[in-house]
Amino acid sequence: MAATETDIDEALIRDLLREQHPDLADRPLRLGALGWDNQVWRLGDELAVRLPWMTESADELLRKEHTWLPGLAPHLPLPIPVPQRLGEPSERFPRPWLVTTWVPGEPADRAPATRAEEAAVALAAFLTALHRPAPEGAPERRGRGGPLADHAGGFTRGLASASELGLIPDPDAVRAVWEDAVAAPGWAGPPLWLHGDLHPANVLTRNGTFSGVIDFGDLFAGDPAYDLAAAWILLPDGAADLFHEAYRPAPDAATLRRARGCAVLRALAGLHIGHAGDHGRPGGKPTWGPPAHASLRRLTASVQR
C-alpha cells in the first residue's frame, strides 16, 4: 500500500476541476465512498470524481477504465460508471483521476438483493452481455483468469487463517469445494471480457434487485468462471440455479466447478476483510463478513447435494 501524500478534500477537487475541467468546477460536491483503491466524490446529480488514494496500481486501473469502459457500456443492460473526462497528474495532485457518470443505488453489502428471481435474471443478463470475446490487446489481470491451481497457496493460507479465527465451522467442506474446482478441466474458449471483482460492495441494488455495477478497475480478459462465482456471492439463497438457467450460453459442468472455486477465494477474502481486526483497512468493513459467510454456506451445500 502506498497512500497518496496529498490530502484529498473538497478544496483540492475543486482546484483540480478549475485547472483541467473548469466547466464542471462549480457543481455541488460531496464525498460518496472510500474504496480500496479510490475515493469517489459525487459531482452534481449525474457525475462523480474518482481519485486514487491508496494503492499505486490504482493509477493504471483508472486509465484502463478510461480506455475501455466507454465502448463496453452501451452494450450492458445495467448502468456502469462511464468515464467522461481524464484528469492528468499535476503539481497539485501527482496522479491521474477520472470524472465518470454517477450510478445510483446502494452497495449490496449494505442492501443485499432480496427479490431472488429478478436479481438472478438481472445478473445473468449483465454477464451474458459482458462476457464476449475480448479484442486483441485487451488487458490481462496478473494472478486472475488463469488456472485455479495458481491460487493454491492463497487458498491454503486464507483457509488456515479463517479457521484459526473461528470464522469457518467446517473447513473440510470448504476444502472439498476447492479441490473439486481445481480438478475441473480448464477454460478452452477465447478470453472473455470480465468484470473481475464482483463482490457485494461493487454491485448496487434498488428495490431488492440489482441496479448497477461499479469499479471496473480489475477489468480483464479470461475465464468466465471468475465472474460466474458471483451467483453464490451476490444472490439470495436458492437463486444460483435461476441465474445459471438465465445465463447464456449455459455454463457447462466444468465451468460451474471452477466458478465455485473462484467463489471460495472471494468468500475467504470477504471473511478476512469483514473480521473485527480488519475493520480499519481501506475498503474493509464489517458488512463484508455476512455475505462471505452466506457464500460459503451455499457453496458447501452445492457440492454436498
Protein backbone atom coordinates (compact mmCIF):
# COMPACT_ATOMS: atom_id res chain seq x y z
CA MET A 1 0.00 0.00 0.00
CA ALA A 2 1.26 3.46 -0.88
CA ALA A 3 -1.04 6.21 0.34
CA THR A 4 -1.29 9.46 -1.62
CA GLU A 5 0.64 12.09 0.28
CA THR A 6 -1.72 14.86 -0.83
CA ASP A 7 -4.80 15.20 1.37
CA ILE A 8 -7.94 14.73 -0.71
CA ASP A 9 -10.76 17.09 0.22
CA GLU A 10 -13.37 19.26 -1.45
CA ALA A 11 -10.98 22.18 -1.89
CA LEU A 12 -8.43 20.00 -3.71
CA ILE A 13 -11.01 18.55 -6.05
CA ARG A 14 -12.41 21.97 -6.91
CA ASP A 15 -8.90 23.21 -7.66
CA LEU A 16 -8.28 20.24 -9.94
CA LEU A 17 -11.53 20.81 -11.77
CA ARG A 18 -10.82 24.52 -12.20
CA GLU A 19 -7.39 23.73 -13.63
CA GLN A 20 -8.41 20.98 -16.06
CA HIS A 21 -12.22 20.94 -16.42
CA PRO A 22 -13.44 24.39 -15.37
CA ASP A 23 -16.95 23.89 -16.79
CA LEU A 24 -17.55 21.34 -14.01
CA ALA A 25 -15.91 23.18 -11.12
CA ASP A 26 -18.99 24.89 -9.67
CA ARG A 27 -21.24 21.83 -9.36
CA PRO A 28 -22.21 20.58 -5.88
CA LEU A 29 -19.60 18.19 -4.48
CA ARG A 30 -19.77 15.68 -1.65
CA LEU A 31 -17.94 12.52 -0.58
CA GLY A 32 -19.57 9.38 -1.94
CA ALA A 33 -17.34 6.47 -0.90
CA LEU A 34 -13.88 5.45 0.32
CA GLY A 35 -12.87 2.33 -1.59
CA TRP A 36 -9.85 0.06 -1.51
CA ASP A 37 -8.05 2.00 -4.26
CA ASN A 38 -10.03 5.18 -4.81
CA GLN A 39 -12.13 7.90 -3.26
CA VAL A 40 -15.37 8.74 -5.06
CA TRP A 41 -16.94 12.19 -4.77
CA ARG A 42 -20.36 12.89 -6.22
CA LEU A 43 -20.33 15.86 -8.59
CA GLY A 44 -23.78 17.30 -9.10
CA ASP A 45 -26.58 14.83 -9.80
CA GLU A 46 -25.10 12.88 -12.71
CA LEU A 47 -21.30 12.79 -12.33
CA ALA A 48 -18.61 11.62 -9.91
CA VAL A 49 -14.90 12.33 -9.42
CA ARG A 50 -12.76 9.26 -8.77
CA LEU A 51 -9.29 9.78 -7.33
CA PRO A 52 -6.68 7.16 -6.35
CA TRP A 53 -5.67 7.43 -2.75
CA MET A 54 -4.06 4.20 -1.55
CA THR A 55 -2.59 1.60 -3.91
CA GLU A 56 -0.04 2.55 -6.55
CA SER A 57 -1.78 0.26 -9.04
CA ALA A 58 -4.90 2.45 -8.93
CA ASP A 59 -3.36 4.85 -11.46
CA GLU A 60 -3.13 2.16 -14.11
CA LEU A 61 -6.61 0.87 -13.27
CA LEU A 62 -8.20 4.29 -13.77
CA ARG A 63 -6.54 4.70 -17.15
CA LYS A 64 -7.75 1.24 -18.11
CA GLU A 65 -11.33 2.18 -17.28
CA HIS A 66 -11.00 5.39 -19.30
CA THR A 67 -9.78 3.38 -22.31
CA TRP A 68 -12.26 0.51 -22.35
CA LEU A 69 -15.49 1.33 -20.50
CA PRO A 70 -16.98 3.84 -22.96
CA GLY A 71 -17.02 1.11 -25.60
CA LEU A 72 -18.49 -1.55 -23.31
CA ALA A 73 -21.18 0.49 -21.54
CA PRO A 74 -23.70 0.82 -24.41
CA HIS A 75 -23.99 -2.97 -24.68
CA LEU A 76 -24.66 -3.63 -20.98
CA PRO A 77 -28.19 -3.82 -19.50
CA LEU A 78 -27.21 -2.36 -16.11
CA PRO A 79 -25.69 1.11 -15.64
CA ILE A 80 -21.96 1.33 -15.05
CA PRO A 81 -19.77 4.39 -14.35
CA VAL A 82 -18.72 5.67 -17.77
CA PRO A 83 -15.58 7.86 -17.83
CA GLN A 84 -16.29 11.33 -19.22
CA ARG A 85 -13.04 13.18 -18.55
CA LEU A 86 -9.49 12.16 -17.64
CA GLY A 87 -7.58 14.29 -15.17
CA GLU A 88 -3.83 14.21 -15.67
CA PRO A 89 -1.17 14.35 -12.90
CA SER A 90 -0.16 17.87 -11.91
CA GLU A 91 1.76 19.73 -9.23
CA ARG A 92 -1.46 19.94 -7.25
CA PHE A 93 -2.16 16.19 -7.44
CA PRO A 94 0.53 13.86 -8.85
CA ARG A 95 -1.79 11.06 -10.02
CA PRO A 96 -4.41 10.62 -12.77
CA TRP A 97 -8.09 10.88 -11.87
CA LEU A 98 -11.46 10.48 -13.58
CA VAL A 99 -14.78 12.21 -13.98
CA THR A 100 -17.39 9.49 -14.57
CA THR A 101 -21.13 9.14 -14.65
CA TRP A 102 -22.76 8.55 -11.25
CA VAL A 103 -24.58 5.22 -10.82
CA PRO A 104 -27.40 5.44 -8.24
CA GLY A 105 -28.08 2.62 -5.81
CA GLU A 106 -26.92 1.12 -2.53
CA PRO A 107 -23.94 -1.27 -2.35
CA ALA A 108 -25.15 -4.85 -1.96
CA ASP A 109 -23.03 -5.42 1.15
CA ARG A 110 -25.32 -2.92 2.90
CA ALA A 111 -28.53 -3.64 0.98
CA PRO A 112 -28.45 -7.23 -0.32
CA ALA A 113 -30.70 -8.32 -3.17
CA THR A 114 -33.91 -9.80 -1.78
CA ARG A 115 -36.01 -10.41 -4.91
CA ALA A 116 -34.32 -13.64 -5.93
CA GLU A 117 -35.75 -14.21 -9.39
CA GLU A 118 -35.40 -10.61 -10.56
CA ALA A 119 -31.87 -10.34 -9.19
CA ALA A 120 -30.81 -13.65 -10.78
CA VAL A 121 -32.16 -12.62 -14.17
CA ALA A 122 -30.61 -9.14 -13.94
CA LEU A 123 -27.18 -10.53 -13.05
CA ALA A 124 -27.39 -13.19 -15.77
CA ALA A 125 -28.36 -10.61 -18.40
CA PHE A 126 -25.49 -8.35 -17.37
CA LEU A 127 -22.86 -11.08 -17.50
CA THR A 128 -24.26 -12.57 -20.71
CA ALA A 129 -23.81 -9.15 -22.34
CA LEU A 130 -20.36 -8.54 -20.83
CA HIS A 131 -18.90 -12.00 -21.50
CA ARG A 132 -17.98 -11.51 -25.15
CA PRO A 133 -14.62 -12.41 -26.71
CA ALA A 134 -12.22 -9.61 -25.86
CA PRO A 135 -10.25 -7.95 -28.67
CA GLU A 136 -6.53 -8.30 -29.14
CA GLY A 137 -4.76 -6.00 -26.72
CA ALA A 138 -7.42 -6.33 -24.03
CA PRO A 139 -5.94 -6.09 -20.53
CA GLU A 140 -4.86 -9.17 -18.66
CA ARG A 141 -5.06 -9.46 -14.88
CA ARG A 142 -1.99 -10.88 -13.29
CA GLY A 143 -2.97 -13.71 -10.96
CA ARG A 144 -6.55 -13.95 -12.25
CA GLY A 145 -8.17 -15.51 -15.26
CA GLY A 146 -5.79 -18.47 -15.40
CA PRO A 147 -5.79 -21.90 -13.73
CA LEU A 148 -7.20 -22.04 -10.22
CA ALA A 149 -4.20 -24.12 -9.18
CA ASP A 150 -2.16 -20.91 -9.39
CA HIS A 151 -4.08 -19.73 -6.32
CA ALA A 152 -3.47 -22.82 -4.20
CA GLY A 153 -1.13 -21.02 -1.82
CA GLY A 154 -3.59 -18.18 -1.28
CA PHE A 155 -6.42 -20.61 -0.66
CA THR A 156 -4.39 -22.62 1.88
CA ARG A 157 -3.32 -19.52 3.79
CA GLY A 158 -6.79 -17.98 3.69
CA LEU A 159 -8.50 -21.14 4.92
CA ALA A 160 -5.96 -21.70 7.68
CA SER A 161 -6.20 -18.12 8.90
CA ALA A 162 -10.01 -18.05 8.80
CA SER A 163 -10.14 -21.38 10.62
CA GLU A 164 -7.79 -20.16 13.35
CA LEU A 165 -10.01 -17.12 13.83
CA GLY A 166 -13.06 -19.37 14.19
CA LEU A 167 -14.71 -17.94 11.09
CA ILE A 168 -15.32 -21.28 9.33
CA PRO A 169 -17.31 -24.01 11.11
CA ASP A 170 -16.40 -26.77 8.62
CA PRO A 171 -13.02 -26.21 6.92
CA ASP A 172 -13.08 -29.69 5.40
CA ALA A 173 -16.27 -28.89 3.48
CA VAL A 174 -14.72 -25.70 2.12
CA ARG A 175 -11.60 -27.62 1.14
CA ALA A 176 -13.75 -30.16 -0.71
CA VAL A 177 -15.30 -27.38 -2.83
CA TRP A 178 -11.85 -26.04 -3.64
CA GLU A 179 -10.33 -29.40 -4.53
CA ASP A 180 -13.27 -30.21 -6.80
CA ALA A 181 -12.83 -26.85 -8.56
CA VAL A 182 -9.09 -27.28 -9.05
CA ALA A 183 -9.67 -30.74 -10.55
CA ALA A 184 -12.13 -29.41 -13.15
CA PRO A 185 -10.99 -29.05 -16.79
CA GLY A 186 -9.75 -25.55 -17.62
CA TRP A 187 -11.39 -22.97 -19.86
CA ALA A 188 -10.86 -23.89 -23.52
CA GLY A 189 -12.67 -20.95 -25.11
CA PRO A 190 -11.38 -17.50 -26.08
CA PRO A 191 -10.60 -14.97 -23.35
CA LEU A 192 -13.85 -13.18 -22.48
CA TRP A 193 -14.39 -9.72 -21.07
CA LEU A 194 -14.72 -9.98 -17.27
CA HIS A 195 -15.51 -7.51 -14.54
CA GLY A 196 -13.11 -9.45 -12.33
CA ASP A 197 -14.17 -8.09 -8.93
CA LEU A 198 -17.87 -8.82 -8.40
CA HIS A 199 -18.07 -8.64 -4.62
CA PRO A 200 -21.09 -7.09 -2.84
CA ALA A 201 -19.57 -3.62 -2.46
CA ASN A 202 -19.17 -3.35 -6.25
CA VAL A 203 -22.76 -4.18 -7.18
CA LEU A 204 -25.62 -1.77 -6.43
CA THR A 205 -29.22 -2.51 -5.54
CA ARG A 206 -32.55 -0.69 -5.57
CA ASN A 207 -35.91 -2.13 -4.51
CA GLY A 208 -34.44 -5.56 -3.79
CA THR A 209 -32.72 -6.19 -7.13
CA PHE A 210 -29.53 -5.11 -8.89
CA SER A 211 -29.44 -1.60 -10.32
CA GLY A 212 -25.81 -1.09 -11.37
CA VAL A 213 -22.24 -2.37 -11.33
CA ILE A 214 -19.27 -0.21 -10.37
CA ASP A 215 -15.46 -0.34 -10.05
CA PHE A 216 -14.13 -1.90 -13.24
CA GLY A 217 -10.52 -1.44 -12.22
CA ASP A 218 -9.96 -5.20 -12.46
CA LEU A 219 -11.48 -5.42 -15.96
CA PHE A 220 -9.62 -8.12 -17.88
CA ALA A 221 -9.99 -10.96 -20.37
CA GLY A 222 -10.06 -14.58 -19.23
CA ASP A 223 -12.12 -17.49 -17.90
CA PRO A 224 -15.80 -16.55 -17.28
CA ALA A 225 -15.76 -18.68 -14.11
CA TYR A 226 -14.17 -15.74 -12.29
CA ASP A 227 -17.37 -13.70 -12.79
CA LEU A 228 -19.83 -16.58 -12.59
CA ALA A 229 -18.71 -17.00 -8.99
CA ALA A 230 -20.98 -14.03 -8.27
CA ALA A 231 -24.02 -16.32 -8.28
CA TRP A 232 -23.00 -17.63 -4.84
CA ILE A 233 -21.61 -14.31 -3.61
CA LEU A 234 -24.38 -11.87 -4.53
CA LEU A 235 -27.68 -13.72 -4.86
CA PRO A 236 -30.12 -14.81 -2.13
CA ASP A 237 -30.37 -18.44 -1.11
CA GLY A 238 -31.75 -20.66 -3.85
CA ALA A 239 -31.17 -18.16 -6.66
CA ALA A 240 -27.94 -19.59 -8.14
CA ASP A 241 -29.84 -22.15 -10.21
CA LEU A 242 -32.11 -19.40 -11.57
CA PHE A 243 -29.02 -17.47 -12.58
CA HIS A 244 -27.47 -20.45 -14.36
CA GLU A 245 -30.71 -21.07 -16.27
CA ALA A 246 -30.82 -17.45 -17.47
CA TYR A 247 -27.13 -17.02 -18.33
CA ARG A 248 -26.15 -17.65 -21.96
CA PRO A 249 -24.55 -19.74 -23.19
CA ALA A 250 -25.47 -22.11 -20.38
CA PRO A 251 -22.31 -22.84 -18.36
CA ASP A 252 -21.02 -26.40 -18.58
CA ALA A 253 -20.31 -28.51 -15.50
CA ALA A 254 -16.56 -27.80 -15.54
CA THR A 255 -17.12 -24.04 -15.66
CA LEU A 256 -19.51 -24.23 -12.71
CA ARG A 257 -16.98 -26.23 -10.72
CA ARG A 258 -14.27 -23.64 -11.41
CA ALA A 259 -16.74 -20.87 -10.56
CA ARG A 260 -17.33 -22.44 -7.14
CA GLY A 261 -13.59 -22.39 -6.52
CA CYS A 262 -13.41 -18.72 -7.51
CA ALA A 263 -16.31 -18.01 -5.16
CA VAL A 264 -14.46 -19.73 -2.31
CA LEU A 265 -11.47 -17.43 -2.87
CA ARG A 266 -13.75 -14.39 -2.89
CA ALA A 267 -15.58 -15.53 0.25
CA LEU A 268 -12.35 -16.14 2.17
CA ALA A 269 -11.18 -12.64 1.29
CA GLY A 270 -14.51 -11.24 2.45
CA LEU A 271 -14.25 -13.06 5.77
CA HIS A 272 -10.88 -11.51 6.49
CA ILE A 273 -11.84 -8.00 5.40
CA GLY A 274 -15.03 -8.19 7.44
CA HIS A 275 -13.34 -9.57 10.56
CA ALA A 276 -13.21 -7.26 13.57
CA GLY A 277 -9.45 -6.89 13.34
CA ASP A 278 -9.62 -5.67 9.77
CA HIS A 279 -12.32 -3.00 10.00
CA GLY A 280 -9.78 -0.22 9.66
CA ARG A 281 -8.32 -1.45 6.39
CA PRO A 282 -9.06 0.73 3.36
CA GLY A 283 -12.18 -0.63 1.74
CA GLY A 284 -12.62 -3.18 4.50
CA LYS A 285 -15.77 -3.12 6.60
CA PRO A 286 -17.86 -5.39 8.80
CA THR A 287 -20.61 -5.53 6.16
CA TRP A 288 -18.34 -7.79 4.07
CA GLY A 289 -18.48 -10.60 6.63
CA PRO A 290 -22.13 -11.73 6.42
CA PRO A 291 -22.18 -12.15 2.61
CA ALA A 292 -18.94 -14.16 2.81
CA HIS A 293 -20.37 -16.49 5.47
CA ALA A 294 -23.55 -16.95 3.45
CA SER A 295 -21.50 -17.69 0.32
CA LEU A 296 -19.52 -20.46 1.97
CA ARG A 297 -22.72 -21.99 3.32
CA ARG A 298 -24.26 -22.01 -0.17
CA LEU A 299 -21.08 -23.34 -1.77
CA THR A 300 -20.61 -26.26 0.57
CA ALA A 301 -24.28 -27.16 0.19
CA SER A 302 -23.98 -27.04 -3.62
CA VAL A 303 -21.28 -29.69 -3.66
CA GLN A 304 -22.77 -31.91 -0.95
CA ARG A 305 -26.20 -32.33 -2.56
